[in-house]
Amino acid sequence: MNAWGLLSIAIAMEVLGTSLLKHSDGFAKWHWGMLAIACYSMSFWFLAPVLKAIPVGVAYAVWAGCGIVLITLVGLLVFGQKLSLIQISMIALILVGAIGLNLTTDLS
């Protein structure tokens, strides 16, 4: 699998981990917290080889930016959280930056 594919899996694991952390209710429900830690660990497991192919700053910016956008969608759709128009606009800018980095990074 190529670096961008591994990075996508790392992002998905981080978003799943954050969602499970929310379910853990501050670790009051420890089993959800333990699953969150497992997902975070898997996220780093997939992120590590990415850093051989993609510059660390770009990889981290895409990982964090896409994670922010995706967990925001989870918050809206799953947890019923609300955001203002300005907050949604700022998150959209993060997504534009992550896409721009992806499109302008030469892996050759």
N, C-alpha and C. Protein backbone atom coordinates (compact mmCIF):
# COMPACT_ATOMS: atom_id res chain seq x y z
N MET A 1 0.85 -1.18 0.00
CA MET A 1 0.00 0.00 0.00
C MET A 1 0.89 1.24 0.00
N ASN A 2 0.47 2.26 -0.72
CA ASN A 2 1.29 3.47 -0.79
C ASN A 2 1.13 4.33 0.46
N ALA A 3 1.98 5.35 0.56
CA ALA A 3 2.02 6.19 1.76
C ALA A 3 0.69 6.90 2.02
N TRP A 4 0.04 7.38 0.96
CA TRP A 4 -1.23 8.08 1.16
C TRP A 4 -2.31 7.13 1.66
N GLY A 5 -2.28 5.89 1.21
CA GLY A 5 -3.24 4.89 1.70
C GLY A 5 -3.02 4.59 3.18
N LEU A 6 -1.75 4.43 3.56
CA LEU A 6 -1.42 4.20 4.98
C LEU A 6 -1.82 5.40 5.83
N LEU A 7 -1.59 6.60 5.28
CA LEU A 7 -1.98 7.80 6.02
C LEU A 7 -3.49 7.85 6.20
N SER A 8 -4.24 7.43 5.21
CA SER A 8 -5.71 7.40 5.32
C SER A 8 -6.15 6.45 6.43
N ILE A 9 -5.50 5.30 6.52
CA ILE A 9 -5.83 4.35 7.59
C ILE A 9 -5.48 4.95 8.95
N ALA A 10 -4.33 5.61 9.03
CA ALA A 10 -3.91 6.25 10.28
C ALA A 10 -4.93 7.29 10.72
N ILE A 11 -5.42 8.07 9.77
CA ILE A 11 -6.43 9.09 10.08
C ILE A 11 -7.72 8.43 10.57
N ALA A 12 -8.15 7.39 9.87
CA ALA A 12 -9.39 6.70 10.27
C ALA A 12 -9.28 6.13 11.68
N MET A 13 -8.12 5.57 12.02
CA MET A 13 -7.93 5.01 13.36
C MET A 13 -7.93 6.10 14.42
N GLU A 14 -7.36 7.25 14.10
CA GLU A 14 -7.35 8.36 15.04
C GLU A 14 -8.76 8.89 15.28
N VAL A 15 -9.54 8.99 14.22
CA VAL A 15 -10.92 9.47 14.34
C VAL A 15 -11.76 8.46 15.14
N LEU A 16 -11.58 7.18 14.85
CA LEU A 16 -12.30 6.15 15.62
C LEU A 16 -11.89 6.21 17.08
N GLY A 17 -10.60 6.37 17.34
CA GLY A 17 -10.12 6.47 18.72
C GLY A 17 -10.72 7.65 19.46
N THR A 18 -10.80 8.79 18.80
CA THR A 18 -11.38 9.97 19.43
C THR A 18 -12.87 9.77 19.70
N SER A 19 -13.56 9.13 18.77
CA SER A 19 -14.99 8.83 18.98
C SER A 19 -15.19 7.90 20.17
N LEU A 20 -14.33 6.89 20.27
CA LEU A 20 -14.42 5.97 21.40
C LEU A 20 -14.07 6.66 22.71
N LEU A 21 -13.13 7.59 22.65
CA LEU A 21 -12.77 8.35 23.85
C LEU A 21 -13.97 9.14 24.35
N LYS A 22 -14.73 9.71 23.43
CA LYS A 22 -15.96 10.42 23.80
C LYS A 22 -16.92 9.45 24.49
N HIS A 23 -17.06 8.25 23.93
CA HIS A 23 -17.93 7.23 24.53
C HIS A 23 -17.45 6.80 25.92
N SER A 24 -16.16 6.95 26.19
CA SER A 24 -15.62 6.48 27.48
C SER A 24 -16.07 7.34 28.65
N ASP A 25 -16.63 8.51 28.35
CA ASP A 25 -17.13 9.40 29.40
C ASP A 25 -16.03 9.70 30.42
N GLY A 26 -14.90 10.19 29.89
CA GLY A 26 -13.78 10.52 30.77
C GLY A 26 -13.16 9.31 31.44
N PHE A 27 -13.19 8.17 30.76
CA PHE A 27 -12.70 6.88 31.24
C PHE A 27 -13.57 6.28 32.34
N ALA A 28 -14.76 6.85 32.57
CA ALA A 28 -15.70 6.22 33.50
C ALA A 28 -16.13 4.86 32.95
N LYS A 29 -16.23 4.78 31.64
CA LYS A 29 -16.51 3.51 30.95
C LYS A 29 -15.18 3.05 30.35
N TRP A 30 -14.40 2.39 31.19
CA TRP A 30 -13.00 2.13 30.88
C TRP A 30 -12.81 1.28 29.63
N HIS A 31 -13.76 0.38 29.33
CA HIS A 31 -13.58 -0.47 28.14
C HIS A 31 -13.56 0.36 26.86
N TRP A 32 -14.37 1.43 26.79
CA TRP A 32 -14.33 2.32 25.63
C TRP A 32 -12.99 3.06 25.59
N GLY A 33 -12.49 3.44 26.75
CA GLY A 33 -11.19 4.11 26.83
C GLY A 33 -10.06 3.21 26.36
N MET A 34 -10.12 1.94 26.72
CA MET A 34 -9.08 1.00 26.30
C MET A 34 -9.13 0.78 24.79
N LEU A 35 -10.34 0.72 24.23
CA LEU A 35 -10.47 0.60 22.78
C LEU A 35 -9.93 1.86 22.09
N ALA A 36 -10.16 3.02 22.70
CA ALA A 36 -9.63 4.27 22.15
C ALA A 36 -8.10 4.23 22.11
N ILE A 37 -7.49 3.78 23.19
CA ILE A 37 -6.03 3.68 23.24
C ILE A 37 -5.53 2.71 22.17
N ALA A 38 -6.23 1.61 21.96
CA ALA A 38 -5.84 0.65 20.92
C ALA A 38 -5.91 1.30 19.53
N CYS A 39 -6.96 2.08 19.30
CA CYS A 39 -7.09 2.76 18.00
C CYS A 39 -6.00 3.81 17.80
N TYR A 40 -5.68 4.56 18.86
CA TYR A 40 -4.59 5.53 18.76
C TYR A 40 -3.26 4.82 18.47
N SER A 41 -3.05 3.69 19.12
CA SER A 41 -1.82 2.92 18.88
C SER A 41 -1.74 2.47 17.43
N MET A 42 -2.87 1.97 16.91
CA MET A 42 -2.90 1.54 15.51
C MET A 42 -2.67 2.73 14.57
N SER A 43 -3.19 3.88 14.94
CA SER A 43 -2.99 5.08 14.13
C SER A 43 -1.50 5.39 14.00
N PHE A 44 -0.78 5.35 15.10
CA PHE A 44 0.66 5.61 15.06
C PHE A 44 1.40 4.50 14.32
N TRP A 45 0.92 3.27 14.44
CA TRP A 45 1.53 2.14 13.75
C TRP A 45 1.49 2.37 12.23
N PHE A 46 0.35 2.87 11.74
CA PHE A 46 0.22 3.15 10.31
C PHE A 46 0.91 4.45 9.91
N LEU A 47 0.98 5.41 10.82
CA LEU A 47 1.61 6.69 10.52
C LEU A 47 3.12 6.57 10.38
N ALA A 48 3.74 5.73 11.18
CA ALA A 48 5.20 5.63 11.21
C ALA A 48 5.82 5.37 9.83
N PRO A 49 5.37 4.37 9.06
CA PRO A 49 6.01 4.15 7.75
C PRO A 49 5.72 5.26 6.74
N VAL A 50 4.64 5.99 6.95
CA VAL A 50 4.29 7.12 6.08
C VAL A 50 5.42 8.15 6.09
N LEU A 51 6.04 8.31 7.26
CA LEU A 51 7.06 9.35 7.42
C LEU A 51 8.35 9.05 6.66
N LYS A 52 8.47 7.83 6.12
CA LYS A 52 9.60 7.51 5.25
C LYS A 52 9.39 8.09 3.85
N ALA A 53 8.12 8.29 3.48
CA ALA A 53 7.82 8.70 2.10
C ALA A 53 7.29 10.13 1.99
N ILE A 54 6.60 10.59 3.01
CA ILE A 54 5.99 11.92 2.98
C ILE A 54 6.71 12.77 4.02
N PRO A 55 7.09 14.00 3.69
CA PRO A 55 7.74 14.86 4.69
C PRO A 55 6.89 14.95 5.97
N VAL A 56 7.54 14.93 7.10
CA VAL A 56 6.85 14.86 8.38
C VAL A 56 5.86 16.01 8.57
N GLY A 57 6.22 17.20 8.18
CA GLY A 57 5.32 18.34 8.34
C GLY A 57 4.07 18.20 7.50
N VAL A 58 4.23 17.71 6.28
CA VAL A 58 3.08 17.50 5.39
C VAL A 58 2.21 16.37 5.92
N ALA A 59 2.84 15.24 6.28
CA ALA A 59 2.07 14.10 6.78
C ALA A 59 1.28 14.48 8.03
N TYR A 60 1.92 15.18 8.94
CA TYR A 60 1.24 15.55 10.18
C TYR A 60 0.12 16.55 9.92
N ALA A 61 0.36 17.50 9.03
CA ALA A 61 -0.67 18.49 8.71
C ALA A 61 -1.89 17.83 8.08
N VAL A 62 -1.66 16.90 7.17
CA VAL A 62 -2.78 16.19 6.53
C VAL A 62 -3.49 15.31 7.55
N TRP A 63 -2.71 14.59 8.38
CA TRP A 63 -3.28 13.71 9.41
C TRP A 63 -4.14 14.51 10.38
N ALA A 64 -3.59 15.61 10.88
CA ALA A 64 -4.33 16.43 11.84
C ALA A 64 -5.51 17.13 11.18
N GLY A 65 -5.29 17.71 10.01
CA GLY A 65 -6.35 18.45 9.34
C GLY A 65 -7.53 17.58 8.95
N CYS A 66 -7.24 16.45 8.33
CA CYS A 66 -8.33 15.54 7.96
C CYS A 66 -9.01 14.96 9.20
N GLY A 67 -8.21 14.68 10.22
CA GLY A 67 -8.79 14.18 11.48
C GLY A 67 -9.75 15.19 12.09
N ILE A 68 -9.38 16.47 12.06
CA ILE A 68 -10.25 17.52 12.59
C ILE A 68 -11.56 17.56 11.82
N VAL A 69 -11.47 17.54 10.51
CA VAL A 69 -12.68 17.61 9.68
C VAL A 69 -13.57 16.39 9.92
N LEU A 70 -12.96 15.20 9.93
CA LEU A 70 -13.76 13.99 10.10
C LEU A 70 -14.38 13.88 11.49
N ILE A 71 -13.62 14.22 12.53
CA ILE A 71 -14.19 14.13 13.88
C ILE A 71 -15.25 15.20 14.08
N THR A 72 -15.13 16.31 13.37
CA THR A 72 -16.19 17.32 13.42
C THR A 72 -17.48 16.75 12.83
N LEU A 73 -17.36 16.04 11.71
CA LEU A 73 -18.54 15.41 11.10
C LEU A 73 -19.14 14.36 12.04
N VAL A 74 -18.29 13.58 12.69
CA VAL A 74 -18.78 12.60 13.67
C VAL A 74 -19.51 13.32 14.80
N GLY A 75 -18.94 14.40 15.29
CA GLY A 75 -19.57 15.17 16.36
C GLY A 75 -20.94 15.67 15.95
N LEU A 76 -21.04 16.17 14.72
CA LEU A 76 -22.32 16.68 14.23
C LEU A 76 -23.34 15.57 14.02
N LEU A 77 -22.92 14.50 13.36
CA LEU A 77 -23.85 13.45 12.95
C LEU A 77 -24.15 12.42 14.03
N VAL A 78 -23.14 12.08 14.82
CA VAL A 78 -23.31 11.02 15.83
C VAL A 78 -23.64 11.59 17.20
N PHE A 79 -22.93 12.64 17.60
CA PHE A 79 -23.09 13.17 18.94
C PHE A 79 -24.03 14.37 19.02
N GLY A 80 -24.54 14.81 17.87
CA GLY A 80 -25.49 15.92 17.85
C GLY A 80 -24.92 17.26 18.29
N GLN A 81 -23.61 17.44 18.11
CA GLN A 81 -22.99 18.69 18.49
C GLN A 81 -23.31 19.77 17.46
N LYS A 82 -23.32 21.00 17.89
CA LYS A 82 -23.64 22.14 17.02
C LYS A 82 -22.40 23.00 16.80
N LEU A 83 -22.31 23.57 15.61
CA LEU A 83 -21.23 24.50 15.29
C LEU A 83 -21.83 25.73 14.64
N SER A 84 -21.19 26.86 14.86
CA SER A 84 -21.63 28.09 14.20
C SER A 84 -21.10 28.10 12.77
N LEU A 85 -21.64 28.99 11.97
CA LEU A 85 -21.19 29.13 10.59
C LEU A 85 -19.72 29.51 10.53
N ILE A 86 -19.27 30.36 11.42
CA ILE A 86 -17.85 30.75 11.41
C ILE A 86 -16.97 29.56 11.78
N GLN A 87 -17.40 28.71 12.72
CA GLN A 87 -16.63 27.53 13.08
C GLN A 87 -16.54 26.56 11.90
N ILE A 88 -17.65 26.37 11.21
CA ILE A 88 -17.65 25.49 10.04
C ILE A 88 -16.72 26.06 8.96
N SER A 89 -16.73 27.37 8.79
CA SER A 89 -15.86 28.02 7.80
C SER A 89 -14.38 27.80 8.14
N MET A 90 -14.03 27.92 9.39
CA MET A 90 -12.63 27.73 9.79
C MET A 90 -12.20 26.28 9.59
N ILE A 91 -13.08 25.34 9.88
CA ILE A 91 -12.76 23.93 9.66
C ILE A 91 -12.63 23.65 8.17
N ALA A 92 -13.43 24.30 7.34
CA ALA A 92 -13.32 24.15 5.88
C ALA A 92 -11.95 24.64 5.40
N LEU A 93 -11.44 25.70 6.00
CA LEU A 93 -10.10 26.18 5.64
C LEU A 93 -9.03 25.15 5.97
N ILE A 94 -9.19 24.45 7.08
CA ILE A 94 -8.25 23.39 7.44
C ILE A 94 -8.28 22.30 6.37
N LEU A 95 -9.48 21.92 5.92
CA LEU A 95 -9.61 20.90 4.88
C LEU A 95 -8.95 21.36 3.58
N VAL A 96 -9.15 22.60 3.21
CA VAL A 96 -8.53 23.13 1.99
C VAL A 96 -7.01 23.04 2.11
N GLY A 97 -6.46 23.37 3.26
CA GLY A 97 -5.02 23.27 3.46
C GLY A 97 -4.51 21.85 3.34
N ALA A 98 -5.24 20.89 3.93
CA ALA A 98 -4.82 19.48 3.86
C ALA A 98 -4.86 18.99 2.41
N ILE A 99 -5.90 19.34 1.67
CA ILE A 99 -5.99 18.95 0.27
C ILE A 99 -4.85 19.59 -0.54
N GLY A 100 -4.61 20.88 -0.29
CA GLY A 100 -3.54 21.58 -0.99
C GLY A 100 -2.18 20.94 -0.75
N LEU A 101 -1.90 20.54 0.48
CA LEU A 101 -0.64 19.87 0.78
C LEU A 101 -0.55 18.54 0.05
N ASN A 102 -1.63 17.80 0.03
CA ASN A 102 -1.66 16.52 -0.67
C ASN A 102 -1.36 16.72 -2.16
N LEU A 103 -1.99 17.70 -2.76
CA LEU A 103 -1.85 17.92 -4.20
C LEU A 103 -0.48 18.47 -4.59
N THR A 104 0.21 19.10 -3.66
CA THR A 104 1.49 19.73 -4.01
C THR A 104 2.71 18.99 -3.48
N THR A 105 2.51 17.81 -2.92
CA THR A 105 3.63 17.05 -2.38
C THR A 105 4.08 16.01 -3.40
N ASP A 106 5.33 16.14 -3.82
CA ASP A 106 5.92 15.20 -4.79
C ASP A 106 6.63 14.10 -4.00
N LEU A 107 6.20 12.86 -4.21
CA LEU A 107 6.80 11.74 -3.48
C LEU A 107 7.91 11.04 -4.24
N SER A 108 8.29 11.56 -5.38
CA SER A 108 9.34 10.90 -6.17
C SER A 108 10.72 11.16 -5.64
